[in-house]
Amino acid sequence: MTGRDAAARPAGPFRFPVKAGEGVVLVDLARTTHFLFEEEAVWAFAGERLRTTWKTLAEAEAILGSRVVRGHRHLLLRPEAIVGVRAGDSGRLRVRLSGGAEVEVSRGAAPGLKARLGLA
């Protein structure tokens, strides 16, 4: 990254766009627990379900980078929002998020998530 690239990035909390009527609003990533792809859209969960402007989880993952971890092919998790992890069926994990939601992480994604959380 060059000095010019760093200067172009605003300091402070990371925000992302969600649809709001005819426009968009910016939501602070710190309020978000996870992202889910369903109904041909990427939804953010930040106390409520919000439709992002992203078309695919791959697009969201490219923009969010190391701020999220893949839970399965339709799920991205914000690691800081994870408050509990327990074993699920067949090598899967059950993950509890701040706010009380519980999601399932695939067998393939479980080792990476455990490593990211320092549980491996």
PDB file of N, CA and C in Angstrom:
ATOM      1  N   MET A   1       0.856  -1.173   0.000  1.00  0.00           N
ATOM      2  CA  MET A   1       0.000   0.000   0.000  1.00  0.00           C
ATOM      3  C   MET A   1       0.897   1.228   0.000  1.00  0.00           C
ATOM      4  N   THR A   2       0.611   2.142  -0.861  1.00  0.00           N
ATOM      5  CA  THR A   2       1.398   3.370  -0.917  1.00  0.00           C
ATOM      6  C   THR A   2       0.857   4.375   0.083  1.00  0.00           C
ATOM      7  N   GLY A   3       1.598   5.424   0.335  1.00  0.00           N
ATOM      8  CA  GLY A   3       1.140   6.470   1.231  1.00  0.00           C
ATOM      9  C   GLY A   3      -0.140   7.116   0.733  1.00  0.00           C
ATOM     10  N   ARG A   4      -0.256   7.241  -0.599  1.00  0.00           N
ATOM     11  CA  ARG A   4      -1.456   7.840  -1.182  1.00  0.00           C
ATOM     12  C   ARG A   4      -2.680   6.952  -0.922  1.00  0.00           C
ATOM     13  N   ASP A   5      -2.519   5.605  -1.024  1.00  0.00           N
ATOM     14  CA  ASP A   5      -3.632   4.693  -0.745  1.00  0.00           C
ATOM     15  C   ASP A   5      -4.081   4.819   0.705  1.00  0.00           C
ATOM     16  N   ALA A   6      -3.127   4.887   1.623  1.00  0.00           N
ATOM     17  CA  ALA A   6      -3.465   5.007   3.040  1.00  0.00           C
ATOM     18  C   ALA A   6      -4.182   6.322   3.305  1.00  0.00           C
ATOM     19  N   ALA A   7      -3.754   7.384   2.640  1.00  0.00           N
ATOM     20  CA  ALA A   7      -4.387   8.690   2.848  1.00  0.00           C
ATOM     21  C   ALA A   7      -5.811   8.708   2.298  1.00  0.00           C
ATOM     22  N   ALA A   8      -6.082   7.892   1.268  1.00  0.00           N
ATOM     23  CA  ALA A   8      -7.414   7.865   0.657  1.00  0.00           C
ATOM     24  C   ALA A   8      -8.429   7.136   1.532  1.00  0.00           C
ATOM     25  N   ARG A   9      -7.959   6.286   2.424  1.00  0.00           N
ATOM     26  CA  ARG A   9      -8.854   5.539   3.310  1.00  0.00           C
ATOM     27  C   ARG A   9      -9.154   6.362   4.546  1.00  0.00           C
ATOM     28  N   PRO A  10     -10.425   6.583   4.838  1.00  0.00           N
ATOM     29  CA  PRO A  10     -10.746   7.356   6.038  1.00  0.00           C
ATOM     30  C   PRO A  10     -10.420   6.571   7.306  1.00  0.00           C
ATOM     31  N   ALA A  11      -9.981   7.281   8.319  1.00  0.00           N
ATOM     32  CA  ALA A  11      -9.705   6.657   9.612  1.00  0.00           C
ATOM     33  C   ALA A  11     -11.026   6.475  10.357  1.00  0.00           C
ATOM     34  N   GLY A  12     -11.002   5.634  11.372  1.00  0.00           N
ATOM     35  CA  GLY A  12     -12.197   5.454  12.182  1.00  0.00           C
ATOM     36  C   GLY A  12     -12.922   4.158  11.871  1.00  0.00           C
ATOM     37  N   PRO A  13     -14.143   4.036  12.358  1.00  0.00           N
ATOM     38  CA  PRO A  13     -14.887   2.787  12.194  1.00  0.00           C
ATOM     39  C   PRO A  13     -15.157   2.482  10.724  1.00  0.00           C
ATOM     40  N   PHE A  14     -15.171   1.189  10.400  1.00  0.00           N
ATOM     41  CA  PHE A  14     -15.493   0.759   9.038  1.00  0.00           C
ATOM     42  C   PHE A  14     -17.008   0.727   8.888  1.00  0.00           C
ATOM     43  N   ARG A  15     -17.503   1.330   7.828  1.00  0.00           N
ATOM     44  CA  ARG A  15     -18.939   1.337   7.554  1.00  0.00           C
ATOM     45  C   ARG A  15     -19.203   0.753   6.176  1.00  0.00           C
ATOM     46  N   PHE A  16     -20.400   0.209   5.987  1.00  0.00           N
ATOM     47  CA  PHE A  16     -20.777  -0.385   4.710  1.00  0.00           C
ATOM     48  C   PHE A  16     -22.196   0.050   4.359  1.00  0.00           C
ATOM     49  N   PRO A  17     -22.524   0.057   3.056  1.00  0.00           N
ATOM     50  CA  PRO A  17     -23.830   0.559   2.620  1.00  0.00           C
ATOM     51  C   PRO A  17     -24.942  -0.495   2.692  1.00  0.00           C
ATOM     52  N   VAL A  18     -26.118  -0.051   3.143  1.00  0.00           N
ATOM     53  CA  VAL A  18     -27.332  -0.874   3.093  1.00  0.00           C
ATOM     54  C   VAL A  18     -28.430  -0.043   2.434  1.00  0.00           C
ATOM     55  N   LYS A  19     -29.355  -0.745   1.816  1.00  0.00           N
ATOM     56  CA  LYS A  19     -30.439  -0.074   1.111  1.00  0.00           C
ATOM     57  C   LYS A  19     -31.422   0.540   2.104  1.00  0.00           C
ATOM     58  N   ALA A  20     -31.878   1.742   1.754  1.00  0.00           N
ATOM     59  CA  ALA A  20     -32.861   2.451   2.581  1.00  0.00           C
ATOM     60  C   ALA A  20     -33.752   3.247   1.639  1.00  0.00           C
ATOM     61  N   GLY A  21     -34.905   2.682   1.318  1.00  0.00           N
ATOM     62  CA  GLY A  21     -35.808   3.349   0.386  1.00  0.00           C
ATOM     63  C   GLY A  21     -35.148   3.502  -0.967  1.00  0.00           C
ATOM     64  N   GLU A  22     -35.058   4.726  -1.443  1.00  0.00           N
ATOM     65  CA  GLU A  22     -34.451   5.017  -2.740  1.00  0.00           C
ATOM     66  C   GLU A  22     -32.941   5.230  -2.648  1.00  0.00           C
ATOM     67  N   GLY A  23     -32.396   5.258  -1.438  1.00  0.00           N
ATOM     68  CA  GLY A  23     -30.969   5.530  -1.256  1.00  0.00           C
ATOM     69  C   GLY A  23     -30.276   4.458  -0.439  1.00  0.00           C
ATOM     70  N   VAL A  24     -29.200   4.864   0.193  1.00  0.00           N
ATOM     71  CA  VAL A  24     -28.441   3.972   1.064  1.00  0.00           C
ATOM     72  C   VAL A  24     -28.098   4.709   2.360  1.00  0.00           C
ATOM     73  N   VAL A  25     -27.875   3.928   3.397  1.00  0.00           N
ATOM     74  CA  VAL A  25     -27.323   4.454   4.641  1.00  0.00           C
ATOM     75  C   VAL A  25     -26.084   3.637   4.950  1.00  0.00           C
ATOM     76  N   LEU A  26     -25.186   4.207   5.723  1.00  0.00           N
ATOM     77  CA  LEU A  26     -23.961   3.522   6.098  1.00  0.00           C
ATOM     78  C   LEU A  26     -24.098   2.979   7.506  1.00  0.00           C
ATOM     79  N   VAL A  27     -23.765   1.696   7.664  1.00  0.00           N
ATOM     80  CA  VAL A  27     -23.879   1.011   8.947  1.00  0.00           C
ATOM     81  C   VAL A  27     -22.475   0.676   9.448  1.00  0.00           C
ATOM     82  N   ASP A  28     -22.233   0.927  10.707  1.00  0.00           N
ATOM     83  CA  ASP A  28     -20.950   0.628  11.334  1.00  0.00           C
ATOM     84  C   ASP A  28     -20.800  -0.887  11.465  1.00  0.00           C
ATOM     85  N   LEU A  29     -19.700  -1.416  10.948  1.00  0.00           N
ATOM     86  CA  LEU A  29     -19.461  -2.857  11.012  1.00  0.00           C
ATOM     87  C   LEU A  29     -19.458  -3.365  12.451  1.00  0.00           C
ATOM     88  N   ALA A  30     -19.034  -2.569  13.405  1.00  0.00           N
ATOM     89  CA  ALA A  30     -18.981  -2.984  14.803  1.00  0.00           C
ATOM     90  C   ALA A  30     -20.360  -3.348  15.353  1.00  0.00           C
ATOM     91  N   ARG A  31     -21.434  -2.867  14.737  1.00  0.00           N
ATOM     92  CA  ARG A  31     -22.800  -3.208  15.160  1.00  0.00           C
ATOM     93  C   ARG A  31     -23.265  -4.536  14.563  1.00  0.00           C
ATOM     94  N   THR A  32     -22.523  -5.077  13.613  1.00  0.00           N
ATOM     95  CA  THR A  32     -22.944  -6.222  12.812  1.00  0.00           C
ATOM     96  C   THR A  32     -22.383  -7.521  13.374  1.00  0.00           C
ATOM     97  N   THR A  33     -23.228  -8.551  13.447  1.00  0.00           N
ATOM     98  CA  THR A  33     -22.767  -9.857  13.920  1.00  0.00           C
ATOM     99  C   THR A  33     -22.381 -10.773  12.771  1.00  0.00           C
ATOM    100  N   HIS A  34     -23.190 -10.750  11.686  1.00  0.00           N
ATOM    101  CA  HIS A  34     -22.909 -11.644  10.569  1.00  0.00           C
ATOM    102  C   HIS A  34     -23.606 -11.179   9.297  1.00  0.00           C
ATOM    103  N   PHE A  35     -23.224 -11.823   8.200  1.00  0.00           N
ATOM    104  CA  PHE A  35     -23.804 -11.560   6.886  1.00  0.00           C
ATOM    105  C   PHE A  35     -24.276 -12.887   6.324  1.00  0.00           C
ATOM    106  N   LEU A  36     -25.431 -12.872   5.696  1.00  0.00           N
ATOM    107  CA  LEU A  36     -26.027 -14.084   5.154  1.00  0.00           C
ATOM    108  C   LEU A  36     -26.491 -13.820   3.732  1.00  0.00           C
ATOM    109  N   PHE A  37     -26.218 -14.765   2.825  1.00  0.00           N
ATOM    110  CA  PHE A  37     -26.727 -14.658   1.464  1.00  0.00           C
ATOM    111  C   PHE A  37     -27.982 -15.503   1.363  1.00  0.00           C
ATOM    112  N   GLU A  38     -29.105 -14.854   1.087  1.00  0.00           N
ATOM    113  CA  GLU A  38     -30.358 -15.553   0.834  1.00  0.00           C
ATOM    114  C   GLU A  38     -31.276 -14.627   0.052  1.00  0.00           C
ATOM    115  N   GLU A  39     -32.219 -15.211  -0.661  1.00  0.00           N
ATOM    116  CA  GLU A  39     -33.152 -14.441  -1.481  1.00  0.00           C
ATOM    117  C   GLU A  39     -32.411 -13.542  -2.475  1.00  0.00           C
ATOM    118  N   GLU A  40     -31.311 -14.072  -3.035  1.00  0.00           N
ATOM    119  CA  GLU A  40     -30.519 -13.362  -4.047  1.00  0.00           C
ATOM    120  C   GLU A  40     -29.954 -12.028  -3.556  1.00  0.00           C
ATOM    121  N   ALA A  41     -29.687 -11.928  -2.251  1.00  0.00           N
ATOM    122  CA  ALA A  41     -29.135 -10.695  -1.685  1.00  0.00           C
ATOM    123  C   ALA A  41     -28.237 -11.028  -0.496  1.00  0.00           C
ATOM    124  N   VAL A  42     -27.351 -10.092  -0.168  1.00  0.00           N
ATOM    125  CA  VAL A  42     -26.517 -10.211   1.030  1.00  0.00           C
ATOM    126  C   VAL A  42     -27.169  -9.371   2.118  1.00  0.00           C
ATOM    127  N   TRP A  43     -27.487 -10.033   3.234  1.00  0.00           N
ATOM    128  CA  TRP A  43     -28.149  -9.387   4.369  1.00  0.00           C
ATOM    129  C   TRP A  43     -27.159  -9.247   5.510  1.00  0.00           C
ATOM    130  N   ALA A  44     -27.161  -8.088   6.143  1.00  0.00           N
ATOM    131  CA  ALA A  44     -26.352  -7.843   7.337  1.00  0.00           C
ATOM    132  C   ALA A  44     -27.277  -7.922   8.542  1.00  0.00           C
ATOM    133  N   PHE A  45     -26.761  -8.462   9.631  1.00  0.00           N
ATOM    134  CA  PHE A  45     -27.526  -8.553  10.872  1.00  0.00           C
ATOM    135  C   PHE A  45     -26.871  -7.635  11.896  1.00  0.00           C
ATOM    136  N   ALA A  46     -27.547  -6.530  12.176  1.00  0.00           N
ATOM    137  CA  ALA A  46     -27.045  -5.500  13.081  1.00  0.00           C
ATOM    138  C   ALA A  46     -28.186  -5.073  13.992  1.00  0.00           C
ATOM    139  N   GLY A  47     -28.687  -6.024  14.776  1.00  0.00           N
ATOM    140  CA  GLY A  47     -29.853  -5.750  15.607  1.00  0.00           C
ATOM    141  C   GLY A  47     -31.139  -5.905  14.807  1.00  0.00           C
ATOM    142  N   GLU A  48     -31.030  -5.837  13.510  1.00  0.00           N
ATOM    143  CA  GLU A  48     -32.133  -6.067  12.579  1.00  0.00           C
ATOM    144  C   GLU A  48     -31.524  -6.581  11.280  1.00  0.00           C
ATOM    145  N   ARG A  49     -32.336  -7.120  10.425  1.00  0.00           N
ATOM    146  CA  ARG A  49     -31.879  -7.645   9.137  1.00  0.00           C
ATOM    147  C   ARG A  49     -31.894  -6.495   8.121  1.00  0.00           C
ATOM    148  N   LEU A  50     -30.726  -6.215   7.528  1.00  0.00           N
ATOM    149  CA  LEU A  50     -30.563  -5.098   6.606  1.00  0.00           C
ATOM    150  C   LEU A  50     -30.041  -5.600   5.263  1.00  0.00           C
ATOM    151  N   ARG A  51     -30.646  -5.169   4.179  1.00  0.00           N
ATOM    152  CA  ARG A  51     -30.196  -5.589   2.846  1.00  0.00           C
ATOM    153  C   ARG A  51     -29.037  -4.705   2.404  1.00  0.00           C
ATOM    154  N   THR A  52     -27.886  -5.326   2.179  1.00  0.00           N
ATOM    155  CA  THR A  52     -26.722  -4.565   1.730  1.00  0.00           C
ATOM    156  C   THR A  52     -26.826  -4.303   0.228  1.00  0.00           C
ATOM    157  N   THR A  53     -25.898  -3.534  -0.277  1.00  0.00           N
ATOM    158  CA  THR A  53     -25.842  -3.273  -1.713  1.00  0.00           C
ATOM    159  C   THR A  53     -25.016  -4.326  -2.444  1.00  0.00           C
ATOM    160  N   TRP A  54     -24.382  -5.238  -1.711  1.00  0.00           N
ATOM    161  CA  TRP A  54     -23.566  -6.283  -2.326  1.00  0.00           C
ATOM    162  C   TRP A  54     -24.440  -7.342  -2.982  1.00  0.00           C
ATOM    163  N   LYS A  55     -23.962  -7.886  -4.080  1.00  0.00           N
ATOM    164  CA  LYS A  55     -24.704  -8.907  -4.835  1.00  0.00           C
ATOM    165  C   LYS A  55     -24.343 -10.334  -4.424  1.00  0.00           C
ATOM    166  N   THR A  56     -23.115 -10.524  -3.916  1.00  0.00           N
ATOM    167  CA  THR A  56     -22.648 -11.859  -3.527  1.00  0.00           C
ATOM    168  C   THR A  56     -21.851 -11.770  -2.228  1.00  0.00           C
ATOM    169  N   LEU A  57     -21.724 -12.909  -1.554  1.00  0.00           N
ATOM    170  CA  LEU A  57     -20.877 -12.931  -0.353  1.00  0.00           C
ATOM    171  C   LEU A  57     -19.413 -12.771  -0.729  1.00  0.00           C
ATOM    172  N   ALA A  58     -19.030 -13.256  -1.905  1.00  0.00           N
ATOM    173  CA  ALA A  58     -17.641 -13.094  -2.348  1.00  0.00           C
ATOM    174  C   ALA A  58     -17.295 -11.607  -2.470  1.00  0.00           C
ATOM    175  N   GLU A  59     -18.234 -10.809  -2.974  1.00  0.00           N
ATOM    176  CA  GLU A  59     -18.026  -9.365  -3.077  1.00  0.00           C
ATOM    177  C   GLU A  59     -17.878  -8.759  -1.678  1.00  0.00           C
ATOM    178  N   ALA A  60     -18.750  -9.140  -0.759  1.00  0.00           N
ATOM    179  CA  ALA A  60     -18.668  -8.641   0.618  1.00  0.00           C
ATOM    180  C   ALA A  60     -17.353  -9.056   1.261  1.00  0.00           C
ATOM    181  N   GLU A  61     -16.975 -10.312   1.063  1.00  0.00           N
ATOM    182  CA  GLU A  61     -15.744 -10.830   1.652  1.00  0.00           C
ATOM    183  C   GLU A  61     -14.516 -10.096   1.102  1.00  0.00           C
ATOM    184  N   ALA A  62     -14.523  -9.775  -0.188  1.00  0.00           N
ATOM    185  CA  ALA A  62     -13.402  -9.050  -0.789  1.00  0.00           C
ATOM    186  C   ALA A  62     -13.264  -7.654  -0.178  1.00  0.00           C
ATOM    187  N   ILE A  63     -14.377  -7.010   0.094  1.00  0.00           N
ATOM    188  CA  ILE A  63     -14.356  -5.664   0.660  1.00  0.00           C
ATOM    189  C   ILE A  63     -14.030  -5.694   2.153  1.00  0.00           C
ATOM    190  N   LEU A  64     -14.610  -6.643   2.872  1.00  0.00           N
ATOM    191  CA  LEU A  64     -14.435  -6.711   4.323  1.00  0.00           C
ATOM    192  C   LEU A  64     -13.110  -7.351   4.720  1.00  0.00           C
ATOM    193  N   GLY A  65     -12.572  -8.206   3.874  1.00  0.00           N
ATOM    194  CA  GLY A  65     -11.268  -8.817   4.106  1.00  0.00           C
ATOM    195  C   GLY A  65     -11.177  -9.552   5.432  1.00  0.00           C
ATOM    196  N   SER A  66     -10.128  -9.264   6.194  1.00  0.00           N
ATOM    197  CA  SER A  66      -9.880  -9.979   7.446  1.00  0.00           C
ATOM    198  C   SER A  66     -10.833  -9.574   8.568  1.00  0.00           C
ATOM    199  N   ARG A  67     -11.737  -8.640   8.296  1.00  0.00           N
ATOM    200  CA  ARG A  67     -12.722  -8.241   9.314  1.00  0.00           C
ATOM    201  C   ARG A  67     -13.793  -9.310   9.521  1.00  0.00           C
ATOM    202  N   VAL A  68     -13.883 -10.280   8.587  1.00  0.00           N
ATOM    203  CA  VAL A  68     -14.872 -11.348   8.676  1.00  0.00           C
ATOM    204  C   VAL A  68     -14.200 -12.694   8.407  1.00  0.00           C
ATOM    205  N   VAL A  69     -14.916 -13.752   8.776  1.00  0.00           N
ATOM    206  CA  VAL A  69     -14.455 -15.112   8.505  1.00  0.00           C
ATOM    207  C   VAL A  69     -15.634 -15.887   7.927  1.00  0.00           C
ATOM    208  N   ARG A  70     -15.344 -16.769   6.993  1.00  0.00           N
ATOM    209  CA  ARG A  70     -16.381 -17.560   6.335  1.00  0.00           C
ATOM    210  C   ARG A  70     -16.893 -18.620   7.298  1.00  0.00           C
ATOM    211  N   GLY A  71     -18.224 -18.740   7.403  1.00  0.00           N
ATOM    212  CA  GLY A  71     -18.851 -19.758   8.248  1.00  0.00           C
ATOM    213  C   GLY A  71     -19.339 -20.945   7.430  1.00  0.00           C
ATOM    214  N   HIS A  72     -19.821 -20.665   6.252  1.00  0.00           N
ATOM    215  CA  HIS A  72     -20.148 -21.643   5.217  1.00  0.00           C
ATOM    216  C   HIS A  72     -20.404 -20.863   3.942  1.00  0.00           C
ATOM    217  N   ARG A  73     -20.832 -21.511   2.883  1.00  0.00           N
ATOM    218  CA  ARG A  73     -20.893 -20.802   1.600  1.00  0.00           C
ATOM    219  C   ARG A  73     -21.903 -19.664   1.567  1.00  0.00           C
ATOM    220  N   HIS A  74     -22.804 -19.605   2.536  1.00  0.00           N
ATOM    221  CA  HIS A  74     -23.802 -18.532   2.584  1.00  0.00           C
ATOM    222  C   HIS A  74     -23.659 -17.636   3.819  1.00  0.00           C
ATOM    223  N   LEU A  75     -22.546 -17.759   4.556  1.00  0.00           N
ATOM    224  CA  LEU A  75     -22.420 -17.071   5.839  1.00  0.00           C
ATOM    225  C   LEU A  75     -21.028 -16.489   6.053  1.00  0.00           C
ATOM    226  N   LEU A  76     -20.985 -15.217   6.456  1.00  0.00           N
ATOM    227  CA  LEU A  76     -19.769 -14.570   6.939  1.00  0.00           C
ATOM    228  C   LEU A  76     -20.021 -14.138   8.375  1.00  0.00           C
ATOM    229  N   LEU A  77     -19.026 -14.307   9.223  1.00  0.00           N
ATOM    230  CA  LEU A  77     -19.133 -13.942  10.639  1.00  0.00           C
ATOM    231  C   LEU A  77     -18.116 -12.863  10.981  1.00  0.00           C
ATOM    232  N   ARG A  78     -18.500 -11.957  11.856  1.00  0.00           N
ATOM    233  CA  ARG A  78     -17.545 -11.002  12.423  1.00  0.00           C
ATOM    234  C   ARG A  78     -17.020 -11.640  13.703  1.00  0.00           C
ATOM    235  N   PRO A  79     -15.750 -12.050  13.735  1.00  0.00           N
ATOM    236  CA  PRO A  79     -15.222 -12.797  14.884  1.00  0.00           C
ATOM    237  C   PRO A  79     -15.457 -12.128  16.232  1.00  0.00           C
ATOM    238  N   GLU A  80     -15.396 -10.806  16.287  1.00  0.00           N
ATOM    239  CA  GLU A  80     -15.592 -10.099  17.550  1.00  0.00           C
ATOM    240  C   GLU A  80     -17.023 -10.228  18.077  1.00  0.00           C
ATOM    241  N   ALA A  81     -17.952 -10.635  17.227  1.00  0.00           N
ATOM    242  CA  ALA A  81     -19.347 -10.801  17.638  1.00  0.00           C
ATOM    243  C   ALA A  81     -19.634 -12.196  18.185  1.00  0.00           C
ATOM    244  N   ILE A  82     -18.660 -13.100  18.092  1.00  0.00           N
ATOM    245  CA  ILE A  82     -18.850 -14.467  18.575  1.00  0.00           C
ATOM    246  C   ILE A  82     -18.639 -14.494  20.080  1.00  0.00           C
ATOM    247  N   VAL A  83     -19.654 -14.999  20.806  1.00  0.00           N
ATOM    248  CA  VAL A  83     -19.556 -15.065  22.264  1.00  0.00           C
ATOM    249  C   VAL A  83     -19.486 -16.502  22.779  1.00  0.00           C
ATOM    250  N   GLY A  84     -19.737 -17.476  21.901  1.00  0.00           N
ATOM    251  CA  GLY A  84     -19.658 -18.872  22.327  1.00  0.00           C
ATOM    252  C   GLY A  84     -19.590 -19.815  21.141  1.00  0.00           C
ATOM    253  N   VAL A  85     -18.930 -20.962  21.363  1.00  0.00           N
ATOM    254  CA  VAL A  85     -18.782 -21.982  20.332  1.00  0.00           C
ATOM    255  C   VAL A  85     -18.959 -23.338  20.994  1.00  0.00           C
ATOM    256  N   ARG A  86     -19.720 -24.216  20.335  1.00  0.00           N
ATOM    257  CA  ARG A  86     -19.833 -25.597  20.829  1.00  0.00           C
ATOM    258  C   ARG A  86     -19.869 -26.539  19.640  1.00  0.00           C
ATOM    259  N   ALA A  87     -19.529 -27.785  19.907  1.00  0.00           N
ATOM    260  CA  ALA A  87     -19.520 -28.798  18.849  1.00  0.00           C
ATOM    261  C   ALA A  87     -20.932 -29.051  18.357  1.00  0.00           C
ATOM    262  N   GLY A  88     -21.051 -29.222  17.054  1.00  0.00           N
ATOM    263  CA  GLY A  88     -22.321 -29.568  16.429  1.00  0.00           C
ATOM    264  C   GLY A  88     -22.228 -30.964  15.850  1.00  0.00           C
ATOM    265  N   ASP A  89     -23.114 -31.293  14.949  1.00  0.00           N
ATOM    266  CA  ASP A  89     -23.120 -32.603  14.311  1.00  0.00           C
ATOM    267  C   ASP A  89     -22.033 -32.722  13.254  1.00  0.00           C
ATOM    268  N   SER A  90     -21.425 -33.906  13.157  1.00  0.00           N
ATOM    269  CA  SER A  90     -20.495 -34.255  12.073  1.00  0.00           C
ATOM    270  C   SER A  90     -19.388 -33.235  11.847  1.00  0.00           C
ATOM    271  N   GLY A  91     -18.799 -32.719  12.904  1.00  0.00           N
ATOM    272  CA  GLY A  91     -17.681 -31.800  12.775  1.00  0.00           C
ATOM    273  C   GLY A  91     -18.067 -30.343  12.576  1.00  0.00           C
ATOM    274  N   ARG A  92     -19.348 -30.076  12.534  1.00  0.00           N
ATOM    275  CA  ARG A  92     -19.797 -28.685  12.422  1.00  0.00           C
ATOM    276  C   ARG A  92     -19.687 -28.013  13.790  1.00  0.00           C
ATOM    277  N   LEU A  93     -19.823 -26.681  13.793  1.00  0.00           N
ATOM    278  CA  LEU A  93     -19.817 -25.921  15.041  1.00  0.00           C
ATOM    279  C   LEU A  93     -21.124 -25.144  15.159  1.00  0.00           C
ATOM    280  N   ARG A  94     -21.597 -24.990  16.372  1.00  0.00           N
ATOM    281  CA  ARG A  94     -22.714 -24.086  16.669  1.00  0.00           C
ATOM    282  C   ARG A  94     -22.087 -22.855  17.300  1.00  0.00           C
ATOM    283  N   VAL A  95     -22.365 -21.701  16.734  1.00  0.00           N
ATOM    284  CA  VAL A  95     -21.752 -20.449  17.178  1.00  0.00           C
ATOM    285  C   VAL A  95     -22.847 -19.511  17.683  1.00  0.00           C
ATOM    286  N   ARG A  96     -22.662 -19.011  18.904  1.00  0.00           N
ATOM    287  CA  ARG A  96     -23.590 -18.034  19.467  1.00  0.00           C
ATOM    288  C   ARG A  96     -22.981 -16.648  19.273  1.00  0.00           C
ATOM    289  N   LEU A  97     -23.819 -15.742  18.788  1.00  0.00           N
ATOM    290  CA  LEU A  97     -23.381 -14.384  18.499  1.00  0.00           C
ATOM    291  C   LEU A  97     -23.942 -13.414  19.528  1.00  0.00           C
ATOM    292  N   SER A  98     -23.284 -12.283  19.696  1.00  0.00           N
ATOM    293  CA  SER A  98     -23.821 -11.264  20.591  1.00  0.00           C
ATOM    294  C   SER A  98     -25.225 -10.928  20.103  1.00  0.00           C
ATOM    295  N   GLY A  99     -26.136 -10.711  21.011  1.00  0.00           N
ATOM    296  CA  GLY A  99     -27.530 -10.494  20.639  1.00  0.00           C
ATOM    297  C   GLY A  99     -28.344 -11.771  20.693  1.00  0.00           C
ATOM    298  N   GLY A 100     -27.667 -12.942  20.830  1.00  0.00           N
ATOM    299  CA  GLY A 100     -28.375 -14.198  21.037  1.00  0.00           C
ATOM    300  C   GLY A 100     -28.560 -15.101  19.834  1.00  0.00           C
ATOM    301  N   ALA A 101     -28.288 -14.626  18.616  1.00  0.00           N
ATOM    302  CA  ALA A 101     -28.453 -15.498  17.442  1.00  0.00           C
ATOM    303  C   ALA A 101     -27.464 -16.651  17.510  1.00  0.00           C
ATOM    304  N   GLU A 102     -27.887 -17.800  16.994  1.00  0.00           N
ATOM    305  CA  GLU A 102     -27.012 -18.966  16.904  1.00  0.00           C
ATOM    306  C   GLU A 102     -27.001 -19.445  15.465  1.00  0.00           C
ATOM    307  N   VAL A 103     -25.802 -19.678  14.916  1.00  0.00           N
ATOM    308  CA  VAL A 103     -25.648 -20.120  13.536  1.00  0.00           C
ATOM    309  C   VAL A 103     -24.753 -21.349  13.501  1.00  0.00           C
ATOM    310  N   GLU A 104     -24.856 -22.079  12.400  1.00  0.00           N
ATOM    311  CA  GLU A 104     -24.038 -23.281  12.224  1.00  0.00           C
ATOM    312  C   GLU A 104     -22.900 -22.996  11.261  1.00  0.00           C
ATOM    313  N   VAL A 105     -21.711 -23.473  11.615  1.00  0.00           N
ATOM    314  CA  VAL A 105     -20.521 -23.341  10.787  1.00  0.00           C
ATOM    315  C   VAL A 105     -20.218 -24.714  10.200  1.00  0.00           C
ATOM    316  N   SER A 106     -19.903 -24.753   8.910  1.00  0.00           N
ATOM    317  CA  SER A 106     -19.668 -26.018   8.210  1.00  0.00           C
ATOM    318  C   SER A 106     -18.405 -26.716   8.704  1.00  0.00           C
ATOM    319  N   ARG A 107     -18.324 -28.012   8.417  1.00  0.00           N
ATOM    320  CA  ARG A 107     -17.124 -28.795   8.750  1.00  0.00           C
ATOM    321  C   ARG A 107     -15.884 -28.175   8.128  1.00  0.00           C
ATOM    322  N   GLY A 108     -16.003 -27.761   6.866  1.00  0.00           N
ATOM    323  CA  GLY A 108     -14.858 -27.194   6.166  1.00  0.00           C
ATOM    324  C   GLY A 108     -14.383 -25.875   6.743  1.00  0.00           C
ATOM    325  N   ALA A 109     -15.302 -25.060   7.224  1.00  0.00           N
ATOM    326  CA  ALA A 109     -14.942 -23.743   7.760  1.00  0.00           C
ATOM    327  C   ALA A 109     -14.577 -23.790   9.242  1.00  0.00           C
ATOM    328  N   ALA A 110     -14.955 -24.861   9.943  1.00  0.00           N
ATOM    329  CA  ALA A 110     -14.731 -24.952  11.390  1.00  0.00           C
ATOM    330  C   ALA A 110     -13.264 -24.795  11.795  1.00  0.00           C
ATOM    331  N   PRO A 111     -12.314 -25.493  11.145  1.00  0.00           N
ATOM    332  CA  PRO A 111     -10.917 -25.337  11.570  1.00  0.00           C
ATOM    333  C   PRO A 111     -10.404 -23.902  11.447  1.00  0.00           C
ATOM    334  N   GLY A 112     -10.762 -23.213  10.365  1.00  0.00           N
ATOM    335  CA  GLY A 112     -10.328 -21.830  10.192  1.00  0.00           C
ATOM    336  C   GLY A 112     -10.906 -20.909  11.238  1.00  0.00           C
ATOM    337  N   LEU A 113     -12.172 -21.124  11.561  1.00  0.00           N
ATOM    338  CA  LEU A 113     -12.815 -20.300  12.593  1.00  0.00           C
ATOM    339  C   LEU A 113     -12.171 -20.562  13.950  1.00  0.00           C
ATOM    340  N   LYS A 114     -11.936 -21.826  14.272  1.00  0.00           N
ATOM    341  CA  LYS A 114     -11.280 -22.151  15.552  1.00  0.00           C
ATOM    342  C   LYS A 114      -9.911 -21.496  15.644  1.00  0.00           C
ATOM    343  N   ALA A 115      -9.168 -21.556  14.550  1.00  0.00           N
ATOM    344  CA  ALA A 115      -7.825 -20.947  14.538  1.00  0.00           C
ATOM    345  C   ALA A 115      -7.933 -19.443  14.726  1.00  0.00           C
ATOM    346  N   ARG A 116      -8.866 -18.820  14.044  1.00  0.00           N
ATOM    347  CA  ARG A 116      -9.050 -17.371  14.148  1.00  0.00           C
ATOM    348  C   ARG A 116      -9.407 -16.950  15.571  1.00  0.00           C
ATOM    349  N   LEU A 117     -10.164 -17.812  16.273  1.00  0.00           N
ATOM    350  CA  LEU A 117     -10.579 -17.506  17.639  1.00  0.00           C
ATOM    351  C   LEU A 117      -9.551 -17.966  18.680  1.00  0.00           C
ATOM    352  N   GLY A 118      -8.462 -18.587  18.223  1.00  0.00           N
ATOM    353  CA  GLY A 118      -7.435 -19.087  19.140  1.00  0.00           C
ATOM    354  C   GLY A 118      -7.850 -20.347  19.864  1.00  0.00           C
ATOM    355  N   LEU A 119      -8.739 -21.139  19.259  1.00  0.00           N
ATOM    356  CA  LEU A 119      -9.231 -22.374  19.880  1.00  0.00           C
ATOM    357  C   LEU A 119      -8.600 -23.633  19.283  1.00  0.00           C
ATOM    358  N   ALA A 120      -7.765 -23.468  18.267  1.00  0.00           N
ATOM    359  CA  ALA A 120      -7.182 -24.636  17.587  1.00  0.00           C
ATOM    360  C   ALA A 120      -5.877 -25.050  18.229  1.00  0.00           C
TER     361      ALA A 120
END
